[in-house]
Structure formats: C-alpha cells, structure tokens
Amino acid sequence: IPELPSAPLPTSGWSIQVGSYPTMSEAQDKSESLKEKHAKVYTVTASIEGETWYRVRIAGYPTKAAALEGKRQLETQNQEFDYLVFKAP
C-alpha cells in the first residue's frame, strides 16, 4: 500500500467518511477542499479486491450521536448522501 503524506490519525472519537477514491491525488484534492471548513481531515487506505482505495474522513466527533448529526449536516449542505460514520481512525 502506498504511503500517505504524514498526518496524525485520530486516536479516539468518531469520524465521518466523505469519500473513497481510487487514486491518492483524488483523495488529496478532496482533503484540501475540506480543510477550509474542517480542521481534522485525514486519509486512510483500504485494500479492496487487491486494489488500494483512499478514504477521506473528518475527525473530531466525541460521540457517535455527534458524528451522526455532523453527517446529517454535511448531507444537507452538500446534497450528497453517501457519507459513513466510523469509530476513529
């Protein structure tokens, strides 16, 4: 799996996954656009059927309920409905 630029991963709390991309550059573009409004954006990798995917997430939600509310707000603001909530990282 290719290395990502070093960014600290959250060690607690909840995160919202806002996208999963087949290339690192797509994930970096999404991350940069989110950093204007969200301070805690990070990327993790996943291996899906032998291919590497780059998942962009927003951290900083102390509870699952807070993350679900953040997800709802993002969906309303962006008119996108494929966000996922995960225990960080």
PDB file of N, CA and C in Angstrom:
ATOM      1  N   ILE A   1       0.855  -1.174   0.000  1.00  0.00           N
ATOM      2  CA  ILE A   1       0.000   0.000   0.000  1.00  0.00           C
ATOM      3  C   ILE A   1       0.899   1.236   0.000  1.00  0.00           C
ATOM      4  N   PRO A   2       0.659   2.160  -0.900  1.00  0.00           N
ATOM      5  CA  PRO A   2       1.479   3.375  -0.946  1.00  0.00           C
ATOM      6  C   PRO A   2       1.357   4.181   0.341  1.00  0.00           C
ATOM      7  N   GLU A   3       2.435   4.878   0.666  1.00  0.00           N
ATOM      8  CA  GLU A   3       2.409   5.711   1.864  1.00  0.00           C
ATOM      9  C   GLU A   3       1.675   7.008   1.595  1.00  0.00           C
ATOM     10  N   LEU A   4       0.936   7.449   2.585  1.00  0.00           N
ATOM     11  CA  LEU A   4       0.247   8.727   2.512  1.00  0.00           C
ATOM     12  C   LEU A   4       1.124   9.797   3.125  1.00  0.00           C
ATOM     13  N   PRO A   5       0.920  11.042   2.742  1.00  0.00           N
ATOM     14  CA  PRO A   5       1.648  12.111   3.420  1.00  0.00           C
ATOM     15  C   PRO A   5       1.365  12.032   4.918  1.00  0.00           C
ATOM     16  N   SER A   6       2.378  12.294   5.717  1.00  0.00           N
ATOM     17  CA  SER A   6       2.199  12.126   7.156  1.00  0.00           C
ATOM     18  C   SER A   6       1.194  13.133   7.710  1.00  0.00           C
ATOM     19  N   ALA A   7       0.188  12.610   8.337  1.00  0.00           N
ATOM     20  CA  ALA A   7      -0.830  13.399   9.025  1.00  0.00           C
ATOM     21  C   ALA A   7      -1.252  12.555  10.211  1.00  0.00           C
ATOM     22  N   PRO A   8      -1.357  13.147  11.365  1.00  0.00           N
ATOM     23  CA  PRO A   8      -1.712  12.344  12.541  1.00  0.00           C
ATOM     24  C   PRO A   8      -3.119  11.786  12.433  1.00  0.00           C
ATOM     25  N   LEU A   9      -3.243  10.510  12.743  1.00  0.00           N
ATOM     26  CA  LEU A   9      -4.559   9.879  12.770  1.00  0.00           C
ATOM     27  C   LEU A   9      -5.177  10.104  14.139  1.00  0.00           C
ATOM     28  N   PRO A  10      -6.484  10.269  14.190  1.00  0.00           N
ATOM     29  CA  PRO A  10      -7.127  10.412  15.497  1.00  0.00           C
ATOM     30  C   PRO A  10      -6.996   9.115  16.287  1.00  0.00           C
ATOM     31  N   THR A  11      -6.935   9.243  17.578  1.00  0.00           N
ATOM     32  CA  THR A  11      -6.799   8.059  18.422  1.00  0.00           C
ATOM     33  C   THR A  11      -8.065   7.762  19.214  1.00  0.00           C
ATOM     34  N   SER A  12      -9.049   8.657  19.114  1.00  0.00           N
ATOM     35  CA  SER A  12     -10.305   8.428  19.817  1.00  0.00           C
ATOM     36  C   SER A  12     -11.414   9.189  19.107  1.00  0.00           C
ATOM     37  N   GLY A  13     -12.639   8.938  19.534  1.00  0.00           N
ATOM     38  CA  GLY A  13     -13.778   9.640  18.967  1.00  0.00           C
ATOM     39  C   GLY A  13     -14.328   8.976  17.721  1.00  0.00           C
ATOM     40  N   TRP A  14     -15.063   9.758  16.964  1.00  0.00           N
ATOM     41  CA  TRP A  14     -15.754   9.271  15.775  1.00  0.00           C
ATOM     42  C   TRP A  14     -15.430  10.138  14.571  1.00  0.00           C
ATOM     43  N   SER A  15     -15.550   9.553  13.386  1.00  0.00           N
ATOM     44  CA  SER A  15     -15.240  10.246  12.139  1.00  0.00           C
ATOM     45  C   SER A  15     -16.339  10.017  11.117  1.00  0.00           C
ATOM     46  N   ILE A  16     -16.385  10.921  10.148  1.00  0.00           N
ATOM     47  CA  ILE A  16     -17.308  10.795   9.020  1.00  0.00           C
ATOM     48  C   ILE A  16     -16.483  10.579   7.764  1.00  0.00           C
ATOM     49  N   GLN A  17     -16.744   9.482   7.069  1.00  0.00           N
ATOM     50  CA  GLN A  17     -16.084   9.238   5.798  1.00  0.00           C
ATOM     51  C   GLN A  17     -16.856   9.974   4.713  1.00  0.00           C
ATOM     52  N   VAL A  18     -16.158  10.858   3.993  1.00  0.00           N
ATOM     53  CA  VAL A  18     -16.814  11.686   2.982  1.00  0.00           C
ATOM     54  C   VAL A  18     -16.501  11.253   1.560  1.00  0.00           C
ATOM     55  N   GLY A  19     -15.633  10.270   1.409  1.00  0.00           N
ATOM     56  CA  GLY A  19     -15.347   9.783   0.068  1.00  0.00           C
ATOM     57  C   GLY A  19     -14.306   8.681   0.088  1.00  0.00           C
ATOM     58  N   SER A  20     -14.315   7.876  -0.964  1.00  0.00           N
ATOM     59  CA  SER A  20     -13.345   6.813  -1.151  1.00  0.00           C
ATOM     60  C   SER A  20     -12.911   6.879  -2.604  1.00  0.00           C
ATOM     61  N   TYR A  21     -11.591   6.984  -2.832  1.00  0.00           N
ATOM     62  CA  TYR A  21     -11.081   7.284  -4.166  1.00  0.00           C
ATOM     63  C   TYR A  21     -10.028   6.278  -4.602  1.00  0.00           C
ATOM     64  N   PRO A  22      -9.978   5.976  -5.901  1.00  0.00           N
ATOM     65  CA  PRO A  22      -9.002   5.004  -6.397  1.00  0.00           C
ATOM     66  C   PRO A  22      -7.583   5.557  -6.523  1.00  0.00           C
ATOM     67  N   THR A  23      -7.428   6.888  -6.450  1.00  0.00           N
ATOM     68  CA  THR A  23      -6.083   7.462  -6.539  1.00  0.00           C
ATOM     69  C   THR A  23      -5.820   8.389  -5.355  1.00  0.00           C
ATOM     70  N   MET A  24      -4.562   8.464  -4.967  1.00  0.00           N
ATOM     71  CA  MET A  24      -4.163   9.323  -3.874  1.00  0.00           C
ATOM     72  C   MET A  24      -4.413  10.790  -4.224  1.00  0.00           C
ATOM     73  N   SER A  25      -4.204  11.159  -5.479  1.00  0.00           N
ATOM     74  CA  SER A  25      -4.390  12.565  -5.854  1.00  0.00           C
ATOM     75  C   SER A  25      -5.848  12.994  -5.725  1.00  0.00           C
ATOM     76  N   GLU A  26      -6.791  12.122  -6.046  1.00  0.00           N
ATOM     77  CA  GLU A  26      -8.208  12.456  -5.862  1.00  0.00           C
ATOM     78  C   GLU A  26      -8.523  12.654  -4.376  1.00  0.00           C
ATOM     79  N   ALA A  27      -7.982  11.783  -3.538  1.00  0.00           N
ATOM     80  CA  ALA A  27      -8.202  11.890  -2.096  1.00  0.00           C
ATOM     81  C   ALA A  27      -7.572  13.175  -1.552  1.00  0.00           C
ATOM     82  N   GLN A  28      -6.382  13.517  -2.031  1.00  0.00           N
ATOM     83  CA  GLN A  28      -5.727  14.740  -1.580  1.00  0.00           C
ATOM     84  C   GLN A  28      -6.523  15.969  -2.003  1.00  0.00           C
ATOM     85  N   ASP A  29      -7.061  15.967  -3.217  1.00  0.00           N
ATOM     86  CA  ASP A  29      -7.891  17.088  -3.681  1.00  0.00           C
ATOM     87  C   ASP A  29      -9.113  17.262  -2.780  1.00  0.00           C
ATOM     88  N   LYS A  30      -9.777  16.158  -2.459  1.00  0.00           N
ATOM     89  CA  LYS A  30     -10.950  16.221  -1.585  1.00  0.00           C
ATOM     90  C   LYS A  30     -10.551  16.717  -0.198  1.00  0.00           C
ATOM     91  N   SER A  31      -9.433  16.205   0.322  1.00  0.00           N
ATOM     92  CA  SER A  31      -8.955  16.626   1.637  1.00  0.00           C
ATOM     93  C   SER A  31      -8.695  18.124   1.676  1.00  0.00           C
ATOM     94  N   GLU A  32      -8.030  18.635   0.671  1.00  0.00           N
ATOM     95  CA  GLU A  32      -7.716  20.067   0.621  1.00  0.00           C
ATOM     96  C   GLU A  32      -8.982  20.916   0.593  1.00  0.00           C
ATOM     97  N   SER A  33      -9.984  20.474  -0.162  1.00  0.00           N
ATOM     98  CA  SER A  33     -11.220  21.249  -0.236  1.00  0.00           C
ATOM     99  C   SER A  33     -11.966  21.242   1.101  1.00  0.00           C
ATOM    100  N   LEU A  34     -11.815  20.184   1.866  1.00  0.00           N
ATOM    101  CA  LEU A  34     -12.496  20.080   3.162  1.00  0.00           C
ATOM    102  C   LEU A  34     -11.789  20.862   4.257  1.00  0.00           C
ATOM    103  N   LYS A  35     -10.484  21.024   4.133  1.00  0.00           N
ATOM    104  CA  LYS A  35      -9.705  21.674   5.188  1.00  0.00           C
ATOM    105  C   LYS A  35     -10.085  23.140   5.373  1.00  0.00           C
ATOM    106  N   GLU A  36     -10.770  23.723   4.401  1.00  0.00           N
ATOM    107  CA  GLU A  36     -11.224  25.103   4.547  1.00  0.00           C
ATOM    108  C   GLU A  36     -12.262  25.221   5.668  1.00  0.00           C
ATOM    109  N   LYS A  37     -13.064  24.165   5.868  1.00  0.00           N
ATOM    110  CA  LYS A  37     -14.135  24.203   6.868  1.00  0.00           C
ATOM    111  C   LYS A  37     -13.932  23.223   8.019  1.00  0.00           C
ATOM    112  N   HIS A  38     -13.056  22.244   7.831  1.00  0.00           N
ATOM    113  CA  HIS A  38     -12.866  21.189   8.834  1.00  0.00           C
ATOM    114  C   HIS A  38     -11.380  21.027   9.131  1.00  0.00           C
ATOM    115  N   ALA A  39     -10.999  21.242  10.364  1.00  0.00           N
ATOM    116  CA  ALA A  39      -9.588  21.208  10.742  1.00  0.00           C
ATOM    117  C   ALA A  39      -9.008  19.792  10.796  1.00  0.00           C
ATOM    118  N   LYS A  40      -9.837  18.804  11.053  1.00  0.00           N
ATOM    119  CA  LYS A  40      -9.329  17.452  11.295  1.00  0.00           C
ATOM    120  C   LYS A  40      -9.701  16.502  10.160  1.00  0.00           C
ATOM    121  N   VAL A  41      -9.100  16.720   9.006  1.00  0.00           N
ATOM    122  CA  VAL A  41      -9.330  15.859   7.848  1.00  0.00           C
ATOM    123  C   VAL A  41      -8.122  14.925   7.712  1.00  0.00           C
ATOM    124  N   TYR A  42      -8.387  13.661   7.468  1.00  0.00           N
ATOM    125  CA  TYR A  42      -7.297  12.705   7.297  1.00  0.00           C
ATOM    126  C   TYR A  42      -7.700  11.639   6.282  1.00  0.00           C
ATOM    127  N   THR A  43      -6.709  10.858   5.848  1.00  0.00           N
ATOM    128  CA  THR A  43      -6.941   9.811   4.852  1.00  0.00           C
ATOM    129  C   THR A  43      -6.400   8.485   5.372  1.00  0.00           C
ATOM    130  N   VAL A  44      -7.160   7.438   5.163  1.00  0.00           N
ATOM    131  CA  VAL A  44      -6.716   6.077   5.462  1.00  0.00           C
ATOM    132  C   VAL A  44      -6.818   5.266   4.178  1.00  0.00           C
ATOM    133  N   THR A  45      -6.073   4.181   4.117  1.00  0.00           N
ATOM    134  CA  THR A  45      -6.135   3.315   2.938  1.00  0.00           C
ATOM    135  C   THR A  45      -6.900   2.047   3.254  1.00  0.00           C
ATOM    136  N   ALA A  46      -7.450   1.465   2.208  1.00  0.00           N
ATOM    137  CA  ALA A  46      -8.132   0.175   2.323  1.00  0.00           C
ATOM    138  C   ALA A  46      -7.791  -0.637   1.088  1.00  0.00           C
ATOM    139  N   SER A  47      -7.609  -1.920   1.266  1.00  0.00           N
ATOM    140  CA  SER A  47      -7.364  -2.807   0.144  1.00  0.00           C
ATOM    141  C   SER A  47      -8.674  -3.519  -0.179  1.00  0.00           C
ATOM    142  N   ILE A  48      -9.191  -3.245  -1.378  1.00  0.00           N
ATOM    143  CA  ILE A  48     -10.454  -3.829  -1.820  1.00  0.00           C
ATOM    144  C   ILE A  48     -10.168  -4.671  -3.069  1.00  0.00           C
ATOM    145  N   GLU A  49     -10.328  -5.981  -2.923  1.00  0.00           N
ATOM    146  CA  GLU A  49     -10.087  -6.916  -4.025  1.00  0.00           C
ATOM    147  C   GLU A  49      -8.740  -6.656  -4.696  1.00  0.00           C
ATOM    148  N   GLY A  50      -7.714  -6.434  -3.858  1.00  0.00           N
ATOM    149  CA  GLY A  50      -6.359  -6.251  -4.356  1.00  0.00           C
ATOM    150  C   GLY A  50      -6.037  -4.847  -4.832  1.00  0.00           C
ATOM    151  N   GLU A  51      -6.974  -3.935  -4.761  1.00  0.00           N
ATOM    152  CA  GLU A  51      -6.733  -2.555  -5.171  1.00  0.00           C
ATOM    153  C   GLU A  51      -6.735  -1.655  -3.941  1.00  0.00           C
ATOM    154  N   THR A  52      -5.896  -0.627  -3.975  1.00  0.00           N
ATOM    155  CA  THR A  52      -5.830   0.322  -2.872  1.00  0.00           C
ATOM    156  C   THR A  52      -6.807   1.459  -3.117  1.00  0.00           C
ATOM    157  N   TRP A  53      -7.611   1.762  -2.098  1.00  0.00           N
ATOM    158  CA  TRP A  53      -8.544   2.888  -2.129  1.00  0.00           C
ATOM    159  C   TRP A  53      -8.159   3.832  -1.003  1.00  0.00           C
ATOM    160  N   TYR A  54      -8.384   5.106  -1.218  1.00  0.00           N
ATOM    161  CA  TYR A  54      -8.022   6.161  -0.278  1.00  0.00           C
ATOM    162  C   TYR A  54      -9.299   6.776   0.267  1.00  0.00           C
ATOM    163  N   ARG A  55      -9.498   6.607   1.563  1.00  0.00           N
ATOM    164  CA  ARG A  55     -10.734   7.048   2.202  1.00  0.00           C
ATOM    165  C   ARG A  55     -10.494   8.330   2.980  1.00  0.00           C
ATOM    166  N   VAL A  56     -11.245   9.355   2.642  1.00  0.00           N
ATOM    167  CA  VAL A  56     -11.107  10.661   3.271  1.00  0.00           C
ATOM    168  C   VAL A  56     -12.143  10.775   4.383  1.00  0.00           C
ATOM    169  N   ARG A  57     -11.658  11.166   5.569  1.00  0.00           N
ATOM    170  CA  ARG A  57     -12.532  11.253   6.736  1.00  0.00           C
ATOM    171  C   ARG A  57     -12.330  12.567   7.480  1.00  0.00           C
ATOM    172  N   ILE A  58     -13.385  12.979   8.167  1.00  0.00           N
ATOM    173  CA  ILE A  58     -13.345  14.150   9.038  1.00  0.00           C
ATOM    174  C   ILE A  58     -13.471  13.639  10.466  1.00  0.00           C
ATOM    175  N   ALA A  59     -12.502  13.979  11.305  1.00  0.00           N
ATOM    176  CA  ALA A  59     -12.497  13.549  12.698  1.00  0.00           C
ATOM    177  C   ALA A  59     -12.966  14.676  13.604  1.00  0.00           C
ATOM    178  N   GLY A  60     -13.034  14.351  14.888  1.00  0.00           N
ATOM    179  CA  GLY A  60     -13.321  15.374  15.879  1.00  0.00           C
ATOM    180  C   GLY A  60     -14.690  15.281  16.524  1.00  0.00           C
ATOM    181  N   TYR A  61     -15.363  14.181  16.334  1.00  0.00           N
ATOM    182  CA  TYR A  61     -16.684  13.999  16.933  1.00  0.00           C
ATOM    183  C   TYR A  61     -16.534  13.115  18.174  1.00  0.00           C
ATOM    184  N   PRO A  62     -16.875  13.627  19.348  1.00  0.00           N
ATOM    185  CA  PRO A  62     -16.631  12.867  20.584  1.00  0.00           C
ATOM    186  C   PRO A  62     -17.551  11.661  20.783  1.00  0.00           C
ATOM    187  N   THR A  63     -18.741  11.709  20.174  1.00  0.00           N
ATOM    188  CA  THR A  63     -19.695  10.603  20.334  1.00  0.00           C
ATOM    189  C   THR A  63     -20.250  10.203  18.966  1.00  0.00           C
ATOM    190  N   LYS A  64     -20.820   9.027  18.927  1.00  0.00           N
ATOM    191  CA  LYS A  64     -21.454   8.579  17.695  1.00  0.00           C
ATOM    192  C   LYS A  64     -22.622   9.496  17.336  1.00  0.00           C
ATOM    193  N   ALA A  65     -23.370   9.926  18.343  1.00  0.00           N
ATOM    194  CA  ALA A  65     -24.509  10.826  18.094  1.00  0.00           C
ATOM    195  C   ALA A  65     -24.035  12.135  17.468  1.00  0.00           C
ATOM    196  N   ALA A  66     -22.917  12.675  17.945  1.00  0.00           N
ATOM    197  CA  ALA A  66     -22.376  13.917  17.376  1.00  0.00           C
ATOM    198  C   ALA A  66     -21.941  13.700  15.928  1.00  0.00           C
ATOM    199  N   ALA A  67     -21.335  12.546  15.647  1.00  0.00           N
ATOM    200  CA  ALA A  67     -20.914  12.243  14.282  1.00  0.00           C
ATOM    201  C   ALA A  67     -22.123  12.074  13.358  1.00  0.00           C
ATOM    202  N   LEU A  68     -23.171  11.441  13.851  1.00  0.00           N
ATOM    203  CA  LEU A  68     -24.381  11.280  13.035  1.00  0.00           C
ATOM    204  C   LEU A  68     -25.028  12.628  12.738  1.00  0.00           C
ATOM    205  N   GLU A  69     -24.997  13.547  13.703  1.00  0.00           N
ATOM    206  CA  GLU A  69     -25.521  14.892  13.473  1.00  0.00           C
ATOM    207  C   GLU A  69     -24.640  15.633  12.468  1.00  0.00           C
ATOM    208  N   GLY A  70     -23.327  15.482  12.579  1.00  0.00           N
ATOM    209  CA  GLY A  70     -22.418  16.082  11.605  1.00  0.00           C
ATOM    210  C   GLY A  70     -22.646  15.531  10.212  1.00  0.00           C
ATOM    211  N   LYS A  71     -22.890  14.239  10.124  1.00  0.00           N
ATOM    212  CA  LYS A  71     -23.191  13.584   8.846  1.00  0.00           C
ATOM    213  C   LYS A  71     -24.460  14.176   8.245  1.00  0.00           C
ATOM    214  N   ARG A  72     -25.482  14.344   9.068  1.00  0.00           N
ATOM    215  CA  ARG A  72     -26.741  14.907   8.589  1.00  0.00           C
ATOM    216  C   ARG A  72     -26.534  16.326   8.061  1.00  0.00           C
ATOM    217  N   GLN A  73     -25.745  17.114   8.774  1.00  0.00           N
ATOM    218  CA  GLN A  73     -25.469  18.486   8.345  1.00  0.00           C
ATOM    219  C   GLN A  73     -24.706  18.510   7.019  1.00  0.00           C
ATOM    220  N   LEU A  74     -23.709  17.633   6.881  1.00  0.00           N
ATOM    221  CA  LEU A  74     -22.955  17.564   5.627  1.00  0.00           C
ATOM    222  C   LEU A  74     -23.856  17.162   4.461  1.00  0.00           C
ATOM    223  N   GLU A  75     -24.721  16.194   4.703  1.00  0.00           N
ATOM    224  CA  GLU A  75     -25.637  15.760   3.645  1.00  0.00           C
ATOM    225  C   GLU A  75     -26.533  16.901   3.193  1.00  0.00           C
ATOM    226  N   THR A  76     -27.032  17.670   4.144  1.00  0.00           N
ATOM    227  CA  THR A  76     -27.907  18.800   3.824  1.00  0.00           C
ATOM    228  C   THR A  76     -27.140  19.882   3.067  1.00  0.00           C
ATOM    229  N   GLN A  77     -25.956  20.230   3.543  1.00  0.00           N
ATOM    230  CA  GLN A  77     -25.150  21.283   2.917  1.00  0.00           C
ATOM    231  C   GLN A  77     -24.717  20.912   1.502  1.00  0.00           C
ATOM    232  N   ASN A  78     -24.315  19.665   1.314  1.00  0.00           N
ATOM    233  CA  ASN A  78     -23.699  19.257   0.045  1.00  0.00           C
ATOM    234  C   ASN A  78     -24.623  18.497  -0.888  1.00  0.00           C
ATOM    235  N   GLN A  79     -25.835  18.192  -0.408  1.00  0.00           N
ATOM    236  CA  GLN A  79     -26.771  17.397  -1.204  1.00  0.00           C
ATOM    237  C   GLN A  79     -26.128  16.095  -1.694  1.00  0.00           C
ATOM    238  N   GLU A  80     -25.356  15.478  -0.806  1.00  0.00           N
ATOM    239  CA  GLU A  80     -24.741  14.170  -1.049  1.00  0.00           C
ATOM    240  C   GLU A  80     -25.165  13.267   0.100  1.00  0.00           C
ATOM    241  N   PHE A  81     -25.393  11.994  -0.201  1.00  0.00           N
ATOM    242  CA  PHE A  81     -25.969  11.129   0.818  1.00  0.00           C
ATOM    243  C   PHE A  81     -25.241   9.803   0.975  1.00  0.00           C
ATOM    244  N   ASP A  82     -23.931   9.802   0.710  1.00  0.00           N
ATOM    245  CA  ASP A  82     -23.196   8.549   0.835  1.00  0.00           C
ATOM    246  C   ASP A  82     -22.113   8.613   1.913  1.00  0.00           C
ATOM    247  N   TYR A  83     -22.284   9.482   2.899  1.00  0.00           N
ATOM    248  CA  TYR A  83     -21.330   9.591   3.986  1.00  0.00           C
ATOM    249  C   TYR A  83     -21.533   8.438   4.974  1.00  0.00           C
ATOM    250  N   LEU A  84     -20.436   8.040   5.616  1.00  0.00           N
ATOM    251  CA  LEU A  84     -20.470   6.941   6.578  1.00  0.00           C
ATOM    252  C   LEU A  84     -19.840   7.387   7.884  1.00  0.00           C
ATOM    253  N   VAL A  85     -20.311   6.850   9.003  1.00  0.00           N
ATOM    254  CA  VAL A  85     -19.772   7.171  10.319  1.00  0.00           C
ATOM    255  C   VAL A  85     -18.986   5.972  10.826  1.00  0.00           C
ATOM    256  N   PHE A  86     -17.760   6.263  11.341  1.00  0.00           N
ATOM    257  CA  PHE A  86     -16.874   5.217  11.853  1.00  0.00           C
ATOM    258  C   PHE A  86     -16.268   5.626  13.171  1.00  0.00           C
ATOM    259  N   LYS A  87     -15.961   4.651  14.004  1.00  0.00           N
ATOM    260  CA  LYS A  87     -15.122   4.891  15.170  1.00  0.00           C
ATOM    261  C   LYS A  87     -13.749   5.250  14.625  1.00  0.00           C
ATOM    262  N   ALA A  88     -13.151   6.340  15.103  1.00  0.00           N
ATOM    263  CA  ALA A  88     -11.860   6.774  14.593  1.00  0.00           C
ATOM    264  C   ALA A  88     -10.791   5.752  14.935  1.00  0.00           C
ATOM    265  N   PRO A  89      -9.770   5.547  14.103  1.00  0.00           N
ATOM    266  CA  PRO A  89      -9.483   6.305  12.903  1.00  0.00           C
ATOM    267  C   PRO A  89     -10.360   5.804  11.827  1.00  0.00           C
TER     268      PRO A  89
END
